[in-house]
Amino acid sequence: MSDARLSDRGAVRGRRWSWTDPKLRSSVIQIALGLVLVWLAWSFYANAEANLSRLGIASGFGFLDDRAGFAISQSLIPYNENMSYGRAFLVGLLNTLLVAFLGVILATILGFLMGVARLSRNVVIKALASAYVEVTRNLPPLFQILFWYLAVLATLPSPRQSWGLGLQPVFSGIASGLSAIGLGVLATPFSGLAAAVGAPDVYVNNRGLILPRPVFGEGSGAILIAVLVALVASFVLARWARKRREATGRPFPVFWSGLALIVVLPLLAAAATGFPLHIETPELRGFNFVGGMSVMPEFVALLLALSTYTAGFIAEIVRSGILAVSKGQTEAAHSLGLRGGPTLRLVVIPQAMRVIVPPLTSQYLNLTKNSSLGVAVGYPDLFAIFAGTTLNQTGQAIEIIAMTMAVYLVISIVTSLIMGWYNKRVALVER
């Protein structure tokens, strides 16, 4: 071995660590930062423990079993003021999930419609869609919530002057149509519905939307099973139709076939079990309605505001996704004889989804988090019930804030995972 190489090795072995060494500097900085974080966490814990002890508040989650003592205006599960704070937490969580789920559906439908309308060749439709997008995107969501609640819903008439909307003509018309084509068995349930509901049976006033309430009797489980079977059958039919179209090029009316399954199978199950379902219609007694079910105006205002606000952003995402698809795809589809509608639905939109899905996920997350703004109009969501009323009554700030943060974090992560899975399905797979 040469003398030069031996001398280099000796120099490396004899070299000492110095601050100019990037590895040493990086290690020291990371260790120092870790110690600072540990010290901050311990200081926060010790300070919180001392303050709670001074105020006589016991730490922990035992307060969840204590009696809540307050009422909640909307609950998807049984609840009364004698139940626990844990039960109130579940009520608020379900109310938040309800707004988020329905808001995502409405915002997606409206956003896609507005995004496609912005690319319309009709000047009026394009101008209206553009005006909608610019207005909704540039107004704060809290302002839009207050607008729907104070300027629209609060101006509706009182319960005694409610606007009535009848469903009896609709059910009667469906029954007559089914009887005319020889489906008298299916027409019987609709005739029963037309006789059960009054006219009018849907009311709109400043206290919300008053609707008939379905009352399920013995044997209603068969109807639920039929609905589930119809949904599974529709999914299987859609997959079969897609594979058939890819193999042969022949389309299949999936939408109408699936809709027929979802309607016909439950009706057959209802007829076979003697139709164990009746409708409880609302009746005006005094100054308010009795019976039926009501949708509170706070929920309607929050849902409409979040849906229209988010739809403005989704419209721009959809428009940019469609423009990202090469015009040659549209020209090729037209050369095969496809019209504008099928071209957009079968050629352009499937390719545009690869661009649409990633930013669409962010809008879904924003809508879910913005549901906490419902506290401005008194909607009983998770933030209002748990981080508001419960926190004020118990003083368990650390536990309540931690649980609230964890819930929103879990909802966001689950939404991201679902959209990530869907994004992989629509992504372009390279060979």
Protein backbone atom coordinates (compact mmCIF):
# COMPACT_ATOMS: atom_id res chain seq x y z
CA MET A 1 0.00 0.00 0.00
CA SER A 2 1.40 3.42 -0.92
CA ASP A 3 2.61 5.89 1.68
CA ALA A 4 0.08 8.54 0.47
CA ARG A 5 -2.91 6.34 1.19
CA LEU A 6 -1.58 5.37 4.61
CA SER A 7 -1.11 8.97 5.50
CA ASP A 8 -4.71 9.82 4.40
CA ARG A 9 -6.10 7.09 6.65
CA GLY A 10 -4.12 8.29 9.54
CA ALA A 11 -5.41 11.80 8.99
CA VAL A 12 -9.03 10.61 8.96
CA ARG A 13 -8.56 8.59 12.15
CA GLY A 14 -6.89 11.44 13.88
CA ARG A 15 -9.39 14.11 12.86
CA ARG A 16 -11.48 15.50 15.70
CA TRP A 17 -15.13 16.55 15.59
CA SER A 18 -15.58 20.29 15.15
CA TRP A 19 -18.57 22.68 14.90
CA THR A 20 -17.80 23.14 11.23
CA ASP A 21 -18.71 19.49 10.65
CA PRO A 22 -22.28 19.44 9.20
CA LYS A 23 -23.12 16.07 10.81
CA LEU A 24 -22.12 17.25 14.28
CA ARG A 25 -23.93 20.55 13.85
CA SER A 26 -27.12 18.84 12.62
CA SER A 27 -27.09 16.33 15.51
CA VAL A 28 -26.59 19.01 18.15
CA ILE A 29 -29.37 21.19 16.74
CA GLN A 30 -31.84 18.30 16.63
CA ILE A 31 -31.04 17.21 20.19
CA ALA A 32 -31.41 20.79 21.44
CA LEU A 33 -34.72 21.21 19.63
CA GLY A 34 -35.98 17.94 21.11
CA LEU A 35 -35.08 19.05 24.61
CA VAL A 36 -36.83 22.40 24.09
CA LEU A 37 -40.00 20.64 22.93
CA VAL A 38 -39.94 18.30 25.92
CA TRP A 39 -39.48 21.26 28.26
CA LEU A 40 -42.35 23.17 26.64
CA ALA A 41 -44.67 20.14 26.87
CA TRP A 42 -43.78 19.60 30.53
CA SER A 43 -44.22 23.30 31.32
CA PHE A 44 -47.63 23.30 29.64
CA TYR A 45 -48.72 20.20 31.56
CA ALA A 46 -47.45 21.47 34.92
CA ASN A 47 -49.06 24.89 34.43
CA ALA A 48 -52.38 23.35 33.43
CA GLU A 49 -52.29 20.93 36.36
CA ALA A 50 -51.56 23.76 38.80
CA ASN A 51 -54.37 25.94 37.43
CA LEU A 52 -56.88 23.10 37.52
CA SER A 53 -55.91 22.27 41.12
CA ARG A 54 -56.26 25.93 42.10
CA LEU A 55 -59.76 26.04 40.60
CA GLY A 56 -60.73 22.73 42.16
CA ILE A 57 -61.25 20.99 38.79
CA ALA A 58 -60.24 17.35 38.54
CA SER A 59 -58.45 16.37 35.37
CA GLY A 60 -59.45 13.34 33.32
CA PHE A 61 -62.43 12.22 31.27
CA GLY A 62 -64.71 11.19 34.13
CA PHE A 63 -66.93 14.22 33.43
CA LEU A 64 -68.29 12.43 30.35
CA ASP A 65 -70.46 10.31 32.65
CA ASP A 66 -71.94 13.32 34.47
CA ARG A 67 -75.44 14.62 33.78
CA ALA A 68 -75.43 17.20 31.00
CA GLY A 69 -78.48 19.16 32.17
CA PHE A 70 -79.13 21.02 28.91
CA ALA A 71 -81.40 20.37 25.94
CA ILE A 72 -80.34 20.08 22.31
CA SER A 73 -82.65 21.34 19.58
CA GLN A 74 -81.68 18.67 17.00
CA SER A 75 -80.68 15.09 17.73
CA LEU A 76 -80.45 12.10 15.43
CA ILE A 77 -80.40 9.74 18.41
CA PRO A 78 -82.55 9.75 21.57
CA TYR A 79 -81.39 12.46 23.95
CA ASN A 80 -82.71 14.43 26.90
CA GLU A 81 -81.15 16.75 29.46
CA ASN A 82 -80.81 13.95 32.02
CA MET A 83 -78.30 12.13 29.83
CA SER A 84 -74.52 12.43 30.11
CA TYR A 85 -72.00 14.73 28.50
CA GLY A 86 -70.77 11.73 26.54
CA ARG A 87 -74.20 11.39 24.99
CA ALA A 88 -74.21 15.10 24.17
CA PHE A 89 -70.83 14.63 22.50
CA LEU A 90 -72.28 11.90 20.25
CA VAL A 91 -75.26 14.11 19.36
CA GLY A 92 -72.97 16.95 18.33
CA LEU A 93 -70.72 14.61 16.36
CA LEU A 94 -73.65 13.16 14.40
CA ASN A 95 -75.01 16.64 13.67
CA THR A 96 -71.60 17.67 12.32
CA LEU A 97 -71.34 14.54 10.18
CA LEU A 98 -74.87 15.11 8.84
CA VAL A 99 -74.06 18.62 7.64
CA ALA A 100 -70.71 17.50 6.21
CA PHE A 101 -72.18 14.50 4.36
CA LEU A 102 -75.15 16.32 2.84
CA GLY A 103 -73.05 19.40 2.15
CA VAL A 104 -70.46 17.40 0.22
CA ILE A 105 -73.18 15.81 -1.94
CA LEU A 106 -74.98 19.09 -2.70
CA ALA A 107 -71.77 21.04 -3.26
CA THR A 108 -70.43 18.37 -5.63
CA ILE A 109 -73.61 18.28 -7.73
CA LEU A 110 -73.96 22.06 -7.86
CA GLY A 111 -70.24 22.57 -8.45
CA PHE A 112 -70.14 20.16 -11.38
CA LEU A 113 -73.20 21.80 -12.93
CA MET A 114 -71.73 25.28 -12.57
CA GLY A 115 -68.33 24.16 -13.83
CA VAL A 116 -69.81 22.66 -16.98
CA ALA A 117 -72.13 25.66 -17.42
CA ARG A 118 -69.14 28.02 -17.40
CA LEU A 119 -67.93 26.28 -20.57
CA SER A 120 -71.35 26.44 -22.27
CA ARG A 121 -71.69 28.06 -25.67
CA ASN A 122 -74.90 29.71 -24.49
CA VAL A 123 -73.95 33.24 -23.50
CA VAL A 124 -76.71 33.59 -20.88
CA ILE A 125 -75.93 30.29 -19.14
CA LYS A 126 -72.21 31.02 -19.17
CA ALA A 127 -72.73 34.52 -17.74
CA LEU A 128 -75.04 33.28 -14.98
CA ALA A 129 -72.62 30.52 -14.00
CA SER A 130 -69.69 32.94 -13.98
CA ALA A 131 -71.64 35.42 -11.82
CA TYR A 132 -72.53 32.65 -9.38
CA VAL A 133 -68.90 31.54 -9.05
CA GLU A 134 -67.55 35.06 -8.56
CA VAL A 135 -70.18 36.00 -5.97
CA THR A 136 -70.04 32.85 -3.86
CA ARG A 137 -66.25 32.58 -3.87
CA ASN A 138 -65.65 36.18 -2.82
CA LEU A 139 -68.11 36.38 0.08
CA PRO A 140 -67.04 34.98 3.48
CA PRO A 141 -68.83 31.76 4.49
CA LEU A 142 -69.98 33.29 7.78
CA PHE A 143 -71.64 36.13 5.88
CA GLN A 144 -73.42 33.64 3.62
CA ILE A 145 -74.66 31.66 6.62
CA LEU A 146 -76.11 34.82 8.18
CA PHE A 147 -77.59 35.84 4.83
CA TRP A 148 -79.54 32.60 4.46
CA TYR A 149 -80.59 32.63 8.10
CA LEU A 150 -81.54 36.30 8.57
CA ALA A 151 -82.33 37.59 5.09
CA VAL A 152 -84.06 34.53 3.62
CA LEU A 153 -85.39 32.07 6.20
CA ALA A 154 -86.28 34.63 8.88
CA THR A 155 -88.52 36.49 6.41
CA LEU A 156 -90.73 33.45 5.78
CA PRO A 157 -94.29 33.56 7.19
CA SER A 158 -95.23 32.39 10.68
CA PRO A 159 -96.61 28.86 11.24
CA ARG A 160 -100.23 30.02 10.96
CA GLN A 161 -99.49 31.48 7.50
CA SER A 162 -97.24 28.66 6.33
CA TRP A 163 -96.76 27.89 2.67
CA GLY A 164 -98.25 24.45 1.99
CA LEU A 165 -96.95 22.00 -0.59
CA GLY A 166 -99.02 18.88 -1.24
CA LEU A 167 -97.65 15.44 -2.17
CA GLN A 168 -101.06 13.85 -2.65
CA PRO A 169 -101.28 14.78 -6.36
CA VAL A 170 -97.82 13.32 -6.95
CA PHE A 171 -98.68 9.96 -5.37
CA SER A 172 -102.05 9.88 -7.11
CA GLY A 173 -100.44 10.58 -10.48
CA ILE A 174 -97.87 7.80 -10.00
CA ALA A 175 -100.61 5.35 -9.00
CA SER A 176 -102.70 6.29 -12.05
CA GLY A 177 -99.73 5.89 -14.38
CA LEU A 178 -98.84 2.46 -13.00
CA SER A 179 -102.44 1.31 -13.26
CA ALA A 180 -102.63 2.52 -16.86
CA ILE A 181 -99.70 0.32 -17.90
CA GLY A 182 -101.05 -2.71 -16.10
CA LEU A 183 -98.96 -2.56 -12.91
CA GLY A 184 -101.82 -2.44 -10.47
CA VAL A 185 -99.83 -4.27 -7.79
CA LEU A 186 -97.26 -1.50 -7.71
CA ALA A 187 -99.94 1.19 -7.92
CA THR A 188 -101.61 0.07 -4.68
CA PRO A 189 -98.87 1.36 -2.33
CA PHE A 190 -98.91 4.77 -4.02
CA SER A 191 -102.68 4.89 -3.72
CA GLY A 192 -102.29 4.14 -0.03
CA LEU A 193 -99.77 6.94 0.30
CA ALA A 194 -102.06 9.35 -1.52
CA ALA A 195 -104.89 8.45 0.87
CA ALA A 196 -102.64 8.60 3.93
CA VAL A 197 -101.17 12.02 3.28
CA GLY A 198 -103.31 15.09 3.28
CA ALA A 199 -103.18 18.07 1.02
CA PRO A 200 -101.07 19.95 1.81
CA ASP A 201 -98.66 17.90 3.93
CA VAL A 202 -95.39 19.83 3.55
CA TYR A 203 -95.15 23.28 5.10
CA VAL A 204 -92.54 26.02 4.97
CA ASN A 205 -92.37 28.76 7.60
CA ASN A 206 -89.86 30.73 9.66
CA ARG A 207 -89.53 27.79 12.07
CA GLY A 208 -88.24 25.47 9.40
CA LEU A 209 -89.49 22.86 6.98
CA ILE A 210 -92.35 20.69 8.28
CA LEU A 211 -92.51 17.25 6.63
CA PRO A 212 -94.55 14.06 6.98
CA ARG A 213 -92.89 11.44 9.15
CA PRO A 214 -92.78 7.79 8.08
CA VAL A 215 -93.87 5.40 10.82
CA PHE A 216 -92.58 1.85 10.40
CA GLY A 217 -94.73 -1.00 11.64
CA GLU A 218 -94.15 -4.70 12.10
CA GLY A 219 -92.54 -6.24 9.05
CA SER A 220 -90.74 -3.07 7.98
CA GLY A 221 -87.43 -4.91 8.19
CA ALA A 222 -88.25 -6.63 4.91
CA ILE A 223 -88.47 -3.24 3.22
CA LEU A 224 -85.06 -2.26 4.57
CA ILE A 225 -83.58 -5.54 3.37
CA ALA A 226 -85.10 -4.94 -0.06
CA VAL A 227 -83.52 -1.49 -0.20
CA LEU A 228 -80.09 -2.93 0.66
CA VAL A 229 -80.51 -5.70 -1.93
CA ALA A 230 -81.51 -3.10 -4.53
CA LEU A 231 -78.42 -1.00 -3.79
CA VAL A 232 -76.10 -4.00 -4.06
CA ALA A 233 -77.84 -5.13 -7.27
CA SER A 234 -77.46 -1.63 -8.74
CA PHE A 235 -73.74 -1.65 -7.94
CA VAL A 236 -73.26 -5.07 -9.53
CA LEU A 237 -75.28 -3.96 -12.56
CA ALA A 238 -73.11 -0.85 -12.98
CA ARG A 239 -69.90 -2.91 -12.90
CA TRP A 240 -71.32 -5.40 -15.40
CA ALA A 241 -72.48 -2.60 -17.72
CA ARG A 242 -69.04 -0.95 -17.61
CA LYS A 243 -67.23 -4.19 -18.48
CA ARG A 244 -69.78 -4.87 -21.23
CA ARG A 245 -69.27 -1.40 -22.70
CA GLU A 246 -65.47 -1.77 -22.61
CA ALA A 247 -65.69 -5.18 -24.31
CA THR A 248 -68.39 -4.54 -26.92
CA GLY A 249 -68.83 -0.77 -27.05
CA ARG A 250 -72.57 -1.08 -26.45
CA PRO A 251 -73.98 1.14 -23.69
CA PHE A 252 -76.53 0.06 -21.11
CA PRO A 253 -79.09 2.30 -19.31
CA VAL A 254 -77.49 1.90 -15.89
CA PHE A 255 -79.14 4.92 -14.27
CA TRP A 256 -82.72 4.07 -15.15
CA SER A 257 -82.22 0.36 -14.48
CA GLY A 258 -80.70 1.06 -11.07
CA LEU A 259 -83.45 3.54 -10.24
CA ALA A 260 -86.08 0.96 -11.19
CA LEU A 261 -84.44 -1.60 -8.89
CA ILE A 262 -84.29 0.83 -5.97
CA VAL A 263 -87.97 1.74 -6.40
CA VAL A 264 -89.55 -1.56 -7.47
CA LEU A 265 -87.91 -3.99 -5.01
CA PRO A 266 -88.91 -2.06 -1.85
CA LEU A 267 -92.43 -1.61 -3.21
CA LEU A 268 -92.74 -5.34 -3.86
CA ALA A 269 -91.49 -6.05 -0.34
CA ALA A 270 -93.98 -3.54 1.07
CA ALA A 271 -96.84 -5.14 -0.88
CA ALA A 272 -95.81 -8.64 0.25
CA THR A 273 -95.81 -7.60 3.93
CA GLY A 274 -99.11 -5.75 3.78
CA PHE A 275 -97.46 -2.34 3.48
CA PRO A 276 -96.45 -1.91 7.16
CA LEU A 277 -95.73 1.77 6.68
CA HIS A 278 -97.91 4.78 7.19
CA ILE A 279 -97.30 8.49 7.03
CA GLU A 280 -97.81 10.78 10.00
CA THR A 281 -98.80 14.14 8.59
CA PRO A 282 -98.28 17.43 10.47
CA GLU A 283 -101.35 19.36 11.65
CA LEU A 284 -101.57 22.99 12.69
CA ARG A 285 -102.86 23.26 16.25
CA GLY A 286 -102.81 26.68 17.80
CA PHE A 287 -99.63 28.49 16.91
CA ASN A 288 -97.53 25.51 15.87
CA PHE A 289 -97.63 22.14 14.11
CA VAL A 290 -98.15 18.79 15.80
CA GLY A 291 -96.96 15.53 14.27
CA GLY A 292 -94.65 14.96 11.36
CA MET A 293 -91.06 16.06 11.57
CA SER A 294 -89.39 19.42 11.19
CA VAL A 295 -86.08 20.55 9.76
CA MET A 296 -84.79 23.48 11.81
CA PRO A 297 -83.92 26.71 9.92
CA GLU A 298 -80.42 26.77 11.45
CA PHE A 299 -79.63 23.47 9.75
CA VAL A 300 -81.08 24.64 6.43
CA ALA A 301 -79.16 27.94 6.53
CA LEU A 302 -75.86 26.22 7.36
CA LEU A 303 -76.33 23.51 4.74
CA LEU A 304 -77.28 25.95 1.96
CA ALA A 305 -74.49 28.38 2.79
CA LEU A 306 -71.73 25.77 2.96
CA SER A 307 -72.98 23.99 -0.17
CA THR A 308 -73.24 27.10 -2.33
CA TYR A 309 -69.95 28.51 -1.01
CA THR A 310 -67.98 25.32 -1.63
CA ALA A 311 -69.70 24.73 -4.98
CA GLY A 312 -68.16 27.96 -6.29
CA PHE A 313 -64.66 26.58 -5.73
CA ILE A 314 -65.59 23.14 -7.06
CA ALA A 315 -66.94 24.77 -10.23
CA GLU A 316 -63.54 26.28 -10.97
CA ILE A 317 -61.84 22.95 -10.25
CA VAL A 318 -64.19 21.17 -12.65
CA ARG A 319 -63.73 23.84 -15.33
CA SER A 320 -59.94 23.61 -15.13
CA GLY A 321 -60.11 19.81 -15.19
CA ILE A 322 -62.23 19.80 -18.34
CA LEU A 323 -59.93 22.31 -20.05
CA ALA A 324 -56.96 20.09 -19.18
CA VAL A 325 -58.34 17.36 -21.46
CA SER A 326 -57.07 17.66 -25.01
CA LYS A 327 -59.61 18.90 -27.55
CA GLY A 328 -58.57 16.00 -29.73
CA GLN A 329 -60.47 13.69 -27.37
CA THR A 330 -63.69 15.58 -28.02
CA GLU A 331 -63.08 15.67 -31.76
CA ALA A 332 -62.38 11.94 -31.80
CA ALA A 333 -65.60 11.25 -29.90
CA HIS A 334 -67.60 13.39 -32.32
CA SER A 335 -66.04 11.60 -35.26
CA LEU A 336 -67.40 8.35 -33.81
CA GLY A 337 -70.92 9.79 -33.78
CA LEU A 338 -71.20 10.69 -30.08
CA ARG A 339 -73.22 13.78 -29.27
CA GLY A 340 -72.18 16.50 -26.84
CA GLY A 341 -73.77 14.98 -23.74
CA PRO A 342 -72.36 11.45 -24.07
CA THR A 343 -68.98 12.88 -25.09
CA LEU A 344 -68.79 14.96 -21.93
CA ARG A 345 -70.03 12.13 -19.70
CA LEU A 346 -68.11 9.20 -21.20
CA VAL A 347 -64.94 10.76 -22.62
CA VAL A 348 -64.11 14.15 -21.12
CA ILE A 349 -65.21 13.87 -17.47
CA PRO A 350 -63.50 10.48 -16.80
CA GLN A 351 -60.19 11.92 -18.01
CA ALA A 352 -60.73 15.23 -16.22
CA MET A 353 -61.26 13.43 -12.90
CA ARG A 354 -57.50 12.80 -12.71
CA VAL A 355 -57.05 16.56 -12.42
CA ILE A 356 -60.21 17.26 -10.41
CA VAL A 357 -59.93 14.79 -7.53
CA PRO A 358 -56.81 16.09 -5.66
CA PRO A 359 -58.04 19.72 -5.21
CA LEU A 360 -61.57 18.43 -4.67
CA THR A 361 -60.36 16.70 -1.50
CA SER A 362 -59.28 20.03 -0.04
CA GLN A 363 -62.74 21.51 -0.63
CA TYR A 364 -64.40 18.58 1.14
CA LEU A 365 -62.11 19.11 4.12
CA ASN A 366 -62.83 22.85 4.17
CA LEU A 367 -66.57 22.23 4.10
CA THR A 368 -66.36 19.86 7.05
CA LYS A 369 -64.28 22.28 9.11
CA ASN A 370 -66.44 25.26 8.16
CA SER A 371 -69.44 23.48 9.67
CA SER A 372 -68.22 24.82 13.02
CA LEU A 373 -69.41 28.26 11.85
CA GLY A 374 -72.95 27.03 12.56
CA VAL A 375 -72.43 28.27 16.12
CA ALA A 376 -73.17 31.77 14.75
CA VAL A 377 -76.82 30.82 14.10
CA GLY A 378 -77.21 28.35 16.96
CA TYR A 379 -76.86 25.07 15.08
CA PRO A 380 -76.04 22.31 17.62
CA ASP A 381 -72.95 20.82 16.03
CA LEU A 382 -69.93 19.32 17.81
CA PHE A 383 -68.23 22.68 18.30
CA ALA A 384 -71.32 24.39 19.75
CA ILE A 385 -72.37 21.53 22.05
CA PHE A 386 -69.04 20.19 23.24
CA ALA A 387 -66.48 22.96 22.84
CA GLY A 388 -69.12 25.50 23.79
CA THR A 389 -71.81 24.54 26.29
CA THR A 390 -70.03 21.53 27.79
CA LEU A 391 -66.78 23.45 28.20
CA ASN A 392 -68.53 26.35 29.91
CA GLN A 393 -70.32 24.04 32.35
CA THR A 394 -67.48 21.68 33.25
CA GLY A 395 -64.36 23.77 32.78
CA GLN A 396 -62.50 20.72 31.42
CA ALA A 397 -60.79 22.81 28.76
CA ILE A 398 -57.84 20.54 28.03
CA GLU A 399 -59.84 17.34 27.65
CA ILE A 400 -62.66 18.94 25.65
CA ILE A 401 -60.38 20.82 23.26
CA ALA A 402 -58.24 17.71 22.79
CA MET A 403 -61.30 15.57 21.98
CA THR A 404 -62.68 18.19 19.58
CA MET A 405 -59.34 18.49 17.80
CA ALA A 406 -59.06 14.71 17.57
CA VAL A 407 -62.53 14.41 16.02
CA TYR A 408 -61.87 16.96 13.30
CA LEU A 409 -58.46 15.39 12.68
CA VAL A 410 -59.93 11.89 12.31
CA ILE A 411 -62.70 13.14 9.99
CA SER A 412 -60.14 14.90 7.80
CA ILE A 413 -57.81 11.88 7.69
CA VAL A 414 -60.64 9.48 6.80
CA THR A 415 -61.87 11.83 4.07
CA SER A 416 -58.33 12.11 2.68
CA LEU A 417 -57.89 8.33 2.70
CA ILE A 418 -61.17 7.77 0.85
CA MET A 419 -60.38 10.42 -1.76
CA GLY A 420 -56.82 9.08 -2.08
CA TRP A 421 -58.19 5.60 -2.76
CA TYR A 422 -60.55 7.01 -5.38
CA ASN A 423 -57.75 9.07 -6.91
CA LYS A 424 -55.70 5.91 -7.42
CA ARG A 425 -58.63 4.29 -9.19
CA VAL A 426 -59.03 7.12 -11.68
CA ALA A 427 -55.31 7.85 -12.06
CA LEU A 428 -53.62 7.11 -15.36
CA VAL A 429 -51.61 3.91 -15.02
CA GLU A 430 -48.39 4.07 -17.03
CA ARG A 431 -46.81 0.96 -18.48
